């Protein structure tokens, strides 16, 4: 199956019909371009890639899309573009690159996260990575790729316009419309409206929150609620959130300074994200590092901790605190735990059990549901944001991805309401025709999953 000069194809191998393990291919003129290469999350992971254990490669149940289709055509793979640094978009690269052996293109912060991952598997310096500046346009094989700035819950999220002589696609990856993202620039409506002038044939678009009405909360709107709860707290405050959300950490660092509390980070992935942000110039807030060994000696009313474990994952910092098994400190009656996160479906029971353990310790527990002010914001667009983007970009066709079937169907309904004339709703392995005519061929390619067990890739049954 080879695209000819008149063809422009889209082929998802992972991430369409599910949330996670995004792996997308575009085909034109006998070449392929891959966009993203991520892992999928089981019930012990959150949607933004906060893993249960210390190292993803040590976990036997991590899964990723099987790249066999493109491995068999590796000589025709022009490159891999990574849109941002969340695990479901970048996490499989260290394990699959030896099969792909193609150049990688991404922005500075994402490249730094990738460098650290490649170092862990002995590939540092062996993978050709080109760092792309925002709004840059590059020719990658027969594809012209224009980076388009977006807002999301991690620094430097980018979509891209992928152009060929026979068609153009706007591939959004993950995004929201945030007027105050805290880190990075607000969204630019004019830049999206300018895409309409290019004549976008298809918009391949995030569906995660397509079934939620309205607009997502701005990251900057959380300051007021978080500060109010922290100011009222008498003892220690522990806030749990997704470790990749550096904007949330920036807000908490600011509040810590204003409330005369020492800010500490509990969780390896969170510390790693902070370190990467500092090394790439994205972190300009107050210093945050307090040696965890010192935490037990500080007066309780002077401590503000940010901990991994918002989904009740067994080996994370918050779960160990709830079981009095954290080495460096224990929670006491009158301390406060704030969940600056949402419950990922499937994690309800472990979260409920953890909250009950905390309450049994006489710890005050605050969640987004019982807080009068917002303390969490999603990184994905709700229905009205989707509608606005469709109306600005004016694509000829909508191709919903990054979601389970009900998310994809909801996205299609929004596109129809936004007067997008055609909608192609499918799943992994379906071949979407963008040129010479719009269409879809069901189950054109066999797809599957690989799992990592004892540092070896195995086919999942």
Protein backbone atom coordinates (compact mmCIF):
# COMPACT_ATOMS: atom_id res chain seq x y z
CA UNK A 1 0.00 0.00 0.00
CA UNK A 2 1.85 3.05 -1.27
CA UNK A 3 0.54 6.59 -1.79
CA UNK A 4 1.14 7.96 -5.27
CA UNK A 5 1.77 11.54 -6.39
CA UNK A 6 -1.94 12.38 -6.50
CA UNK A 7 -2.63 10.85 -3.08
CA UNK A 8 -2.69 12.44 0.37
CA UNK A 9 -3.59 9.95 3.12
CA UNK A 10 -4.01 9.93 6.89
CA UNK A 11 -3.50 6.66 8.75
CA UNK A 12 -3.74 6.46 12.57
CA UNK A 13 -2.02 3.43 14.10
CA UNK A 14 -2.83 4.50 17.68
CA UNK A 15 -4.86 7.14 19.51
CA UNK A 16 -8.04 7.09 17.41
CA UNK A 17 -10.81 5.22 19.22
CA UNK A 18 -8.86 5.47 22.48
CA UNK A 19 -7.03 8.03 24.61
CA UNK A 20 -3.31 7.34 24.55
CA UNK A 21 -0.51 5.84 22.45
CA UNK A 22 -0.91 8.40 19.68
CA UNK A 23 0.81 7.35 16.46
CA UNK A 24 -0.27 8.96 13.19
CA UNK A 25 0.97 8.63 9.61
CA UNK A 26 0.53 10.90 6.61
CA UNK A 27 1.26 9.52 3.15
CA UNK A 28 2.02 11.27 -0.12
CA UNK A 29 4.08 10.57 -3.23
CA UNK A 30 5.57 7.27 -1.95
CA UNK A 31 6.65 8.78 1.40
CA UNK A 32 5.30 8.80 4.95
CA UNK A 33 5.47 11.30 7.81
CA UNK A 34 4.83 10.18 11.40
CA UNK A 35 3.24 12.55 13.94
CA UNK A 36 3.72 11.55 17.59
CA UNK A 37 4.76 8.25 19.10
CA UNK A 38 3.28 7.74 22.57
CA UNK A 39 2.26 5.22 25.19
CA UNK A 40 -1.18 4.31 26.48
CA UNK A 41 -2.23 4.66 30.09
CA UNK A 42 -3.75 1.88 32.13
CA UNK A 43 -5.97 2.61 35.13
CA UNK A 44 -2.91 3.53 37.20
CA UNK A 45 -1.95 6.48 35.01
CA UNK A 46 -3.46 9.88 34.37
CA UNK A 47 -4.39 11.36 31.02
CA UNK A 48 -1.39 13.67 31.00
CA UNK A 49 1.12 10.92 31.48
CA UNK A 50 1.88 10.72 35.19
CA UNK A 51 3.06 7.13 35.55
CA UNK A 52 2.57 4.81 38.51
CA UNK A 53 6.19 3.77 39.00
CA UNK A 54 9.61 5.35 38.94
CA UNK A 55 10.47 4.46 35.35
CA UNK A 56 8.09 3.67 32.52
CA UNK A 57 10.55 1.10 31.17
CA UNK A 58 10.39 -0.89 34.45
CA UNK A 59 6.65 -1.42 34.22
CA UNK A 60 5.42 -4.63 32.57
CA UNK A 61 2.09 -3.20 31.43
CA UNK A 62 3.11 -0.10 29.49
CA UNK A 63 1.69 -0.31 25.96
CA UNK A 64 2.24 1.45 22.66
CA UNK A 65 0.97 1.17 19.11
CA UNK A 66 2.55 -1.58 17.05
CA UNK A 67 4.49 0.26 14.30
CA UNK A 68 4.90 -2.83 12.09
CA UNK A 69 3.17 -1.22 9.09
CA UNK A 70 5.65 1.64 8.92
CA UNK A 71 8.63 -0.47 10.03
CA UNK A 72 8.12 -2.51 6.87
CA UNK A 73 8.29 0.80 4.94
CA UNK A 74 11.03 2.40 7.01
CA UNK A 75 13.00 3.56 3.97
CA UNK A 76 9.99 5.66 2.97
CA UNK A 77 9.59 7.30 6.42
CA UNK A 78 10.72 10.91 6.00
CA UNK A 79 10.64 11.76 9.69
CA UNK A 80 8.83 11.86 13.02
CA UNK A 81 7.30 15.09 14.34
CA UNK A 82 6.51 15.30 18.06
CA UNK A 83 3.84 17.87 18.95
CA UNK A 84 4.49 18.13 22.71
CA UNK A 85 6.03 16.32 25.67
CA UNK A 86 3.12 14.41 27.20
CA UNK A 87 3.72 10.68 27.53
CA UNK A 88 0.90 9.74 25.17
CA UNK A 89 2.69 11.65 22.42
CA UNK A 90 6.38 11.10 23.19
CA UNK A 91 6.67 8.14 25.58
CA UNK A 92 7.20 5.33 23.04
CA UNK A 93 10.08 6.99 21.17
CA UNK A 94 12.87 5.46 23.34
CA UNK A 95 11.50 1.96 22.74
CA UNK A 96 10.54 2.22 19.06
CA UNK A 97 13.21 4.45 17.52
CA UNK A 98 15.53 1.52 16.81
CA UNK A 99 12.75 0.10 14.62
CA UNK A 100 12.09 3.44 12.88
CA UNK A 101 15.56 5.03 12.68
CA UNK A 102 14.22 8.28 11.25
CA UNK A 103 15.03 11.93 12.04
CA UNK A 104 12.91 13.60 14.73
CA UNK A 105 11.62 17.18 14.71
CA UNK A 106 10.29 19.02 17.76
CA UNK A 107 10.64 22.19 19.84
CA UNK A 108 13.22 22.96 22.51
CA UNK A 109 11.41 21.89 25.68
CA UNK A 110 10.05 18.69 24.15
CA UNK A 111 13.52 17.91 22.80
CA UNK A 112 14.93 18.26 26.32
CA UNK A 113 12.36 15.83 27.74
CA UNK A 114 13.14 13.45 24.88
CA UNK A 115 16.89 13.74 25.48
CA UNK A 116 16.41 12.61 29.08
CA UNK A 117 14.31 9.66 27.99
CA UNK A 118 16.83 8.61 25.35
CA UNK A 119 19.63 8.82 27.93
CA UNK A 120 17.80 6.33 30.14
CA UNK A 121 17.87 3.70 27.37
CA UNK A 122 21.41 4.41 26.15
CA UNK A 123 20.44 6.36 23.02
CA UNK A 124 21.62 9.87 23.90
CA UNK A 125 23.52 11.35 20.96
CA UNK A 126 22.47 8.53 18.65
CA UNK A 127 19.09 9.90 17.53
CA UNK A 128 19.03 12.83 15.05
CA UNK A 129 16.79 15.47 16.65
CA UNK A 130 16.16 18.80 14.94
CA UNK A 131 14.96 21.56 17.27
CA UNK A 132 12.28 23.66 15.61
CA UNK A 133 11.44 27.25 16.48
CA UNK A 134 7.80 28.19 16.97
CA UNK A 135 5.97 29.13 13.74
CA UNK A 136 8.82 27.66 11.69
CA UNK A 137 8.14 25.92 8.39
CA UNK A 138 10.25 22.98 7.24
CA UNK A 139 10.30 20.62 4.29
CA UNK A 140 10.45 17.05 5.58
CA UNK A 141 10.72 14.80 2.58
CA UNK A 142 7.80 15.61 0.28
CA UNK A 143 5.87 17.24 3.14
CA UNK A 144 5.88 20.94 4.02
CA UNK A 145 5.27 21.30 7.78
CA UNK A 146 4.29 24.60 9.43
CA UNK A 147 4.26 24.71 13.24
CA UNK A 148 1.18 26.40 14.75
CA UNK A 149 1.27 27.58 18.38
CA UNK A 150 -1.52 26.37 20.68
CA UNK A 151 -2.26 26.35 24.39
CA UNK A 152 -2.43 23.15 26.47
CA UNK A 153 -1.38 21.90 29.93
CA UNK A 154 2.33 21.60 29.14
CA UNK A 155 4.85 24.06 27.66
CA UNK A 156 5.29 24.42 23.91
CA UNK A 157 2.25 22.59 22.52
CA UNK A 158 2.10 22.85 18.75
CA UNK A 159 -0.20 21.76 15.99
CA UNK A 160 0.93 21.80 12.41
CA UNK A 161 -0.24 22.44 8.90
CA UNK A 162 1.01 19.57 6.76
CA UNK A 163 0.98 20.56 3.12
CA UNK A 164 1.48 18.71 -0.14
CA UNK A 165 0.81 19.86 -3.70
CA UNK A 166 -2.53 17.99 -3.56
CA UNK A 167 -3.87 18.90 -0.13
CA UNK A 168 -3.44 20.51 3.31
CA UNK A 169 -4.21 19.23 6.80
CA UNK A 170 -4.29 21.06 10.12
CA UNK A 171 -3.23 18.47 12.70
CA UNK A 172 -4.10 19.99 16.08
CA UNK A 173 -2.74 17.36 18.52
CA UNK A 174 -3.83 18.39 22.09
CA UNK A 175 -5.04 21.93 22.70
CA UNK A 176 -7.46 24.30 24.38
CA UNK A 177 -8.23 28.00 23.97
CA UNK A 178 -6.62 29.60 27.02
CA UNK A 179 -6.43 33.37 27.38
CA UNK A 180 -4.08 33.06 30.36
CA UNK A 181 -2.03 29.85 30.20
CA UNK A 182 0.42 31.20 32.86
CA UNK A 183 3.42 29.77 30.97
CA UNK A 184 3.58 30.61 27.29
CA UNK A 185 1.51 32.98 25.18
CA UNK A 186 -2.32 33.13 25.07
CA UNK A 187 -4.02 31.63 22.05
CA UNK A 188 -4.07 33.81 18.95
CA UNK A 189 -7.42 33.76 17.16
CA UNK A 190 -5.99 35.62 14.18
CA UNK A 191 -3.42 32.92 13.50
CA UNK A 192 -6.16 30.28 13.30
CA UNK A 193 -8.34 32.45 11.09
CA UNK A 194 -5.32 32.90 8.82
CA UNK A 195 -5.29 29.14 8.29
CA UNK A 196 -8.67 29.42 6.58
CA UNK A 197 -7.02 31.53 3.90
CA UNK A 198 -4.67 28.64 3.14
CA UNK A 199 -7.59 26.37 2.29
CA UNK A 200 -7.44 23.54 4.82
CA UNK A 201 -8.80 20.31 3.38
CA UNK A 202 -9.04 18.46 6.69
CA UNK A 203 -8.66 19.26 10.37
CA UNK A 204 -7.43 16.27 12.37
CA UNK A 205 -8.61 17.28 15.81
CA UNK A 206 -8.48 16.45 19.55
CA UNK A 207 -11.78 14.95 20.76
CA UNK A 208 -11.05 14.37 24.47
CA UNK A 209 -13.65 16.80 25.88
CA UNK A 210 -15.93 17.10 22.84
CA UNK A 211 -18.87 15.77 24.89
CA UNK A 212 -18.47 18.47 27.56
CA UNK A 213 -20.45 21.69 26.91
CA UNK A 214 -18.99 25.18 27.12
CA UNK A 215 -15.33 26.19 27.42
CA UNK A 216 -12.56 24.76 29.54
CA UNK A 217 -11.36 26.82 32.51
CA UNK A 218 -8.31 29.01 31.97
CA UNK A 219 -5.18 27.93 33.83
CA UNK A 220 -4.77 31.48 35.11
CA UNK A 221 -8.23 31.40 36.74
CA UNK A 222 -7.10 28.83 39.33
CA UNK A 223 -4.90 31.19 41.35
CA UNK A 224 -7.77 32.65 43.37
CA UNK A 225 -9.21 29.31 44.53
CA UNK A 226 -5.88 27.68 45.28
CA UNK A 227 -4.65 30.67 47.24
CA UNK A 228 -7.85 30.88 49.27
CA UNK A 229 -7.57 27.25 50.40
CA UNK A 230 -3.87 27.52 51.17
CA UNK A 231 -4.32 30.73 53.17
CA UNK A 232 -7.05 29.11 55.28
CA UNK A 233 -5.03 25.99 56.04
CA UNK A 234 -3.47 25.76 59.51
CA UNK A 235 -1.06 22.88 59.05
CA UNK A 236 0.83 21.43 56.11
CA UNK A 237 -0.72 21.69 52.67
CA UNK A 238 -0.22 18.94 50.10
CA UNK A 239 -1.49 19.61 46.59
CA UNK A 240 -1.67 16.83 44.07
CA UNK A 241 -1.80 17.56 40.36
CA UNK A 242 -0.50 16.19 37.08
CA UNK A 243 3.28 16.52 37.27
CA UNK A 244 3.62 17.73 33.69
CA UNK A 245 1.55 20.86 34.37
CA UNK A 246 4.32 23.41 34.90
CA UNK A 247 1.86 26.28 34.77
CA UNK A 248 0.12 24.84 37.85
CA UNK A 249 3.49 24.54 39.58
CA UNK A 250 4.26 28.16 38.67
CA UNK A 251 0.98 29.29 40.26
CA UNK A 252 1.70 27.26 43.40
CA UNK A 253 5.24 28.62 43.64
CA UNK A 254 3.83 32.15 43.53
CA UNK A 255 1.27 31.33 46.24
CA UNK A 256 3.93 29.69 48.40
CA UNK A 257 5.97 32.87 48.33
CA UNK A 258 2.93 35.04 49.11
CA UNK A 259 1.84 32.84 52.03
CA UNK A 260 5.34 32.39 53.52
CA UNK A 261 5.44 28.65 52.88
CA UNK A 262 8.33 26.50 51.71
CA UNK A 263 7.50 24.77 48.44
CA UNK A 264 8.64 21.18 47.96
CA UNK A 265 8.14 18.72 45.13
CA UNK A 266 7.38 15.05 45.79
CA UNK A 267 7.62 12.79 42.75
CA UNK A 268 10.40 12.02 40.30
CA UNK A 269 8.50 12.98 37.15
CA UNK A 270 7.55 16.34 38.66
CA UNK A 271 11.14 17.11 39.63
CA UNK A 272 12.28 16.07 36.16
CA UNK A 273 9.78 18.37 34.44
CA UNK A 274 10.89 21.27 36.63
CA UNK A 275 14.53 20.57 35.86
CA UNK A 276 13.83 20.46 32.11
CA UNK A 277 11.91 23.75 32.31
CA UNK A 278 14.81 25.41 34.10
CA UNK A 279 17.37 24.12 31.62
CA UNK A 280 15.35 25.47 28.68
CA UNK A 281 14.60 28.86 30.25
CA UNK A 282 10.88 28.23 30.81
CA UNK A 283 11.01 28.42 34.60
CA UNK A 284 11.61 31.89 35.98
CA UNK A 285 9.64 31.62 39.23
CA UNK A 286 10.97 31.21 42.76
CA UNK A 287 13.32 28.41 43.67
CA UNK A 288 11.38 25.35 44.77
CA UNK A 289 13.77 22.68 45.89
CA UNK A 290 13.68 21.62 49.49
CA UNK A 291 15.48 18.39 50.26
CA UNK A 292 12.68 15.91 51.14
CA UNK A 293 14.79 14.77 54.11
CA UNK A 294 14.24 18.19 55.69
CA UNK A 295 10.46 18.22 55.37
CA UNK A 296 9.78 16.57 58.71
CA UNK A 297 11.76 19.22 60.57
CA UNK A 298 9.95 22.28 59.20
CA UNK A 299 7.03 23.79 61.12
CA UNK A 300 3.85 22.37 59.60
CA UNK A 301 2.34 25.79 58.90
CA UNK A 302 5.32 26.71 56.70
CA UNK A 303 5.11 23.75 54.30
CA UNK A 304 3.43 23.59 50.88
CA UNK A 305 4.08 20.35 49.01
CA UNK A 306 3.15 19.38 45.46
CA UNK A 307 2.88 15.62 45.13
CA UNK A 308 2.27 13.08 42.41
CA UNK A 309 -0.49 10.53 42.90
CA UNK A 310 -3.74 12.31 42.04
CA UNK A 311 -5.19 9.07 40.64
CA UNK A 312 -4.42 6.90 43.67
CA UNK A 313 -1.48 5.18 41.98
CA UNK A 314 0.06 2.74 44.49
CA UNK A 315 3.69 3.88 44.53
CA UNK A 316 3.26 7.63 44.25
CA UNK A 317 4.02 10.18 46.94
CA UNK A 318 0.46 11.01 47.97
CA UNK A 319 -0.62 7.39 48.24
CA UNK A 320 2.37 6.63 50.46
CA UNK A 321 1.55 9.66 52.61
CA UNK A 322 -2.01 8.35 52.99
CA UNK A 323 -0.59 5.03 54.23
CA UNK A 324 2.02 6.55 56.56
CA UNK A 325 4.75 4.92 54.49
CA UNK A 326 6.49 8.01 53.12
CA UNK A 327 10.06 8.01 54.35
CA UNK A 328 10.67 11.68 55.07
CA UNK A 329 7.49 12.89 56.77
CA UNK A 330 4.01 11.97 57.95
CA UNK A 331 0.72 13.81 57.72
CA UNK A 332 -0.94 14.93 60.94
CA UNK A 333 -4.46 15.94 62.02
CA UNK A 334 -5.23 19.43 60.70
CA UNK A 335 -3.10 19.10 57.59
CA UNK A 336 -4.81 19.73 54.23
CA UNK A 337 -4.69 17.79 50.97
CA UNK A 338 -5.98 19.55 47.83
CA UNK A 339 -6.77 17.59 44.66
CA UNK A 340 -5.97 20.05 41.85
CA UNK A 341 -6.93 17.37 39.34
CA UNK A 342 -9.86 15.47 37.92
CA UNK A 343 -10.78 11.82 38.33
CA UNK A 344 -9.78 9.83 35.28
CA UNK A 345 -12.47 7.23 34.50
CA UNK A 346 -11.44 3.88 35.95
CA UNK A 347 -9.60 5.40 38.90
CA UNK A 348 -12.64 6.18 41.06
CA UNK A 349 -12.11 3.37 43.55
CA UNK A 350 -8.41 3.88 44.37
CA UNK A 351 -8.97 7.64 44.70
CA UNK A 352 -11.96 7.12 46.99
CA UNK A 353 -9.98 4.68 49.13
CA UNK A 354 -7.07 7.11 49.39
CA UNK A 355 -9.37 9.96 50.38
CA UNK A 356 -10.96 7.79 53.08
CA UNK A 357 -7.51 6.98 54.49
CA UNK A 358 -6.67 10.68 54.57
CA UNK A 359 -9.91 11.54 56.31
CA UNK A 360 -9.28 8.78 58.86
CA UNK A 361 -6.01 10.58 59.66
CA UNK A 362 -8.13 13.72 60.31
CA UNK A 363 -6.67 15.44 57.27
CA UNK A 364 -8.88 18.00 55.50
CA UNK A 365 -9.49 16.96 51.89
CA UNK A 366 -10.49 19.46 49.20
CA UNK A 367 -11.45 18.41 45.67
CA UNK A 368 -12.64 20.34 42.64
CA UNK A 369 -16.14 19.02 43.34
CA UNK A 370 -16.37 20.41 46.89
CA UNK A 371 -14.52 23.67 46.21
CA UNK A 372 -16.62 26.75 45.50
CA UNK A 373 -13.78 28.18 43.41
CA UNK A 374 -12.06 26.37 40.55
CA UNK A 375 -8.86 24.54 41.49
CA UNK A 376 -8.37 22.46 38.32
CA UNK A 377 -8.51 23.14 34.58
CA UNK A 378 -8.50 20.62 31.76
CA UNK A 379 -5.96 20.89 28.95
CA UNK A 380 -8.45 19.91 26.23
CA UNK A 381 -11.19 21.84 24.39
CA UNK A 382 -14.82 21.57 25.39
CA UNK A 383 -17.55 21.70 22.76
CA UNK A 384 -17.76 25.48 22.33
CA UNK A 385 -13.98 25.76 21.92
CA UNK A 386 -14.09 23.08 19.25
CA UNK A 387 -16.89 24.90 17.48
CA UNK A 388 -14.94 28.17 17.55
CA UNK A 389 -11.83 26.54 16.10
CA UNK A 390 -13.79 24.89 13.30
CA UNK A 391 -15.43 28.21 12.47
CA UNK A 392 -12.07 30.00 12.38
CA UNK A 393 -10.14 27.40 10.38
CA UNK A 394 -13.04 26.46 8.08
CA UNK A 395 -11.74 23.04 7.04
CA UNK A 396 -13.47 21.18 4.23
CA UNK A 397 -13.55 18.05 6.37
CA UNK A 398 -13.30 17.15 10.07
CA UNK A 399 -11.35 14.06 11.17
CA UNK A 400 -11.80 13.58 14.95
CA UNK A 401 -9.01 11.70 16.76
CA UNK A 402 -7.62 11.43 20.32
CA UNK A 403 -10.68 9.99 21.97
CA UNK A 404 -12.87 6.98 22.52
CA UNK A 405 -15.75 6.39 20.07
CA UNK A 406 -18.22 8.54 22.02
CA UNK A 407 -15.72 11.42 22.07
CA UNK A 408 -15.14 11.08 18.32
CA UNK A 409 -18.88 11.03 17.63
CA UNK A 410 -19.37 14.13 19.78
CA UNK A 411 -16.57 15.91 17.91
CA UNK A 412 -18.25 15.06 14.61
CA UNK A 413 -21.51 16.53 15.88
CA UNK A 414 -19.73 19.75 16.87
CA UNK A 415 -18.10 19.99 13.45
CA UNK A 416 -21.50 19.59 11.80
CA UNK A 417 -22.92 22.36 14.01
CA UNK A 418 -19.99 24.54 12.94
CA UNK A 419 -20.95 24.05 9.28
CA UNK A 420 -18.06 21.77 8.39
CA UNK A 421 -19.52 20.00 5.38
CA UNK A 422 -17.88 16.58 5.70
CA UNK A 423 -16.86 14.41 8.65
CA UNK A 424 -14.85 11.22 8.58
CA UNK A 425 -15.30 9.25 11.80
CA UNK A 426 -13.11 6.19 12.20
CA UNK A 427 -10.57 4.35 14.30
CA UNK A 428 -7.04 2.98 14.30
CA UNK A 429 -6.19 1.21 11.04
CA UNK A 430 -8.74 3.08 8.95
CA UNK A 431 -7.23 4.82 5.92
CA UNK A 432 -8.54 8.36 5.44
CA UNK A 433 -8.35 9.71 1.90
CA UNK A 434 -7.79 13.47 1.74
CA UNK A 435 -6.84 13.59 -1.94
CA UNK A 436 -7.81 13.10 -4.72
CA UNK A 437 -11.23 12.68 -3.06
CA UNK A 438 -12.35 12.60 0.56
CA UNK A 439 -13.23 9.17 1.86
CA UNK A 440 -12.37 6.39 4.28
CA UNK A 441 -11.39 2.75 3.87
CA UNK A 442 -12.25 0.76 6.98
CA UNK A 443 -9.67 -1.56 8.55
CA UNK A 444 -7.20 -0.96 5.74
CA UNK A 445 -4.24 -1.78 8.00
CA UNK A 446 -3.90 -4.27 10.81
CA UNK A 447 -3.12 -2.51 14.09
CA UNK A 448 -2.15 -3.76 17.52
CA UNK A 449 -0.14 -3.04 20.62
CA UNK A 450 3.31 -3.77 21.94
CA UNK A 451 3.96 -4.12 25.65
CA UNK A 452 7.17 -3.61 27.58
CA UNK A 453 8.07 -6.49 29.85
CA UNK A 454 11.50 -6.94 31.42
CA UNK A 455 12.81 -4.23 29.09
CA UNK A 456 11.72 -6.21 26.02
CA UNK A 457 8.89 -5.44 23.59
CA UNK A 458 6.25 -8.13 23.26
CA UNK A 459 3.11 -8.29 21.12
CA UNK A 460 -0.05 -7.90 23.16
CA UNK A 461 -2.87 -10.35 22.53
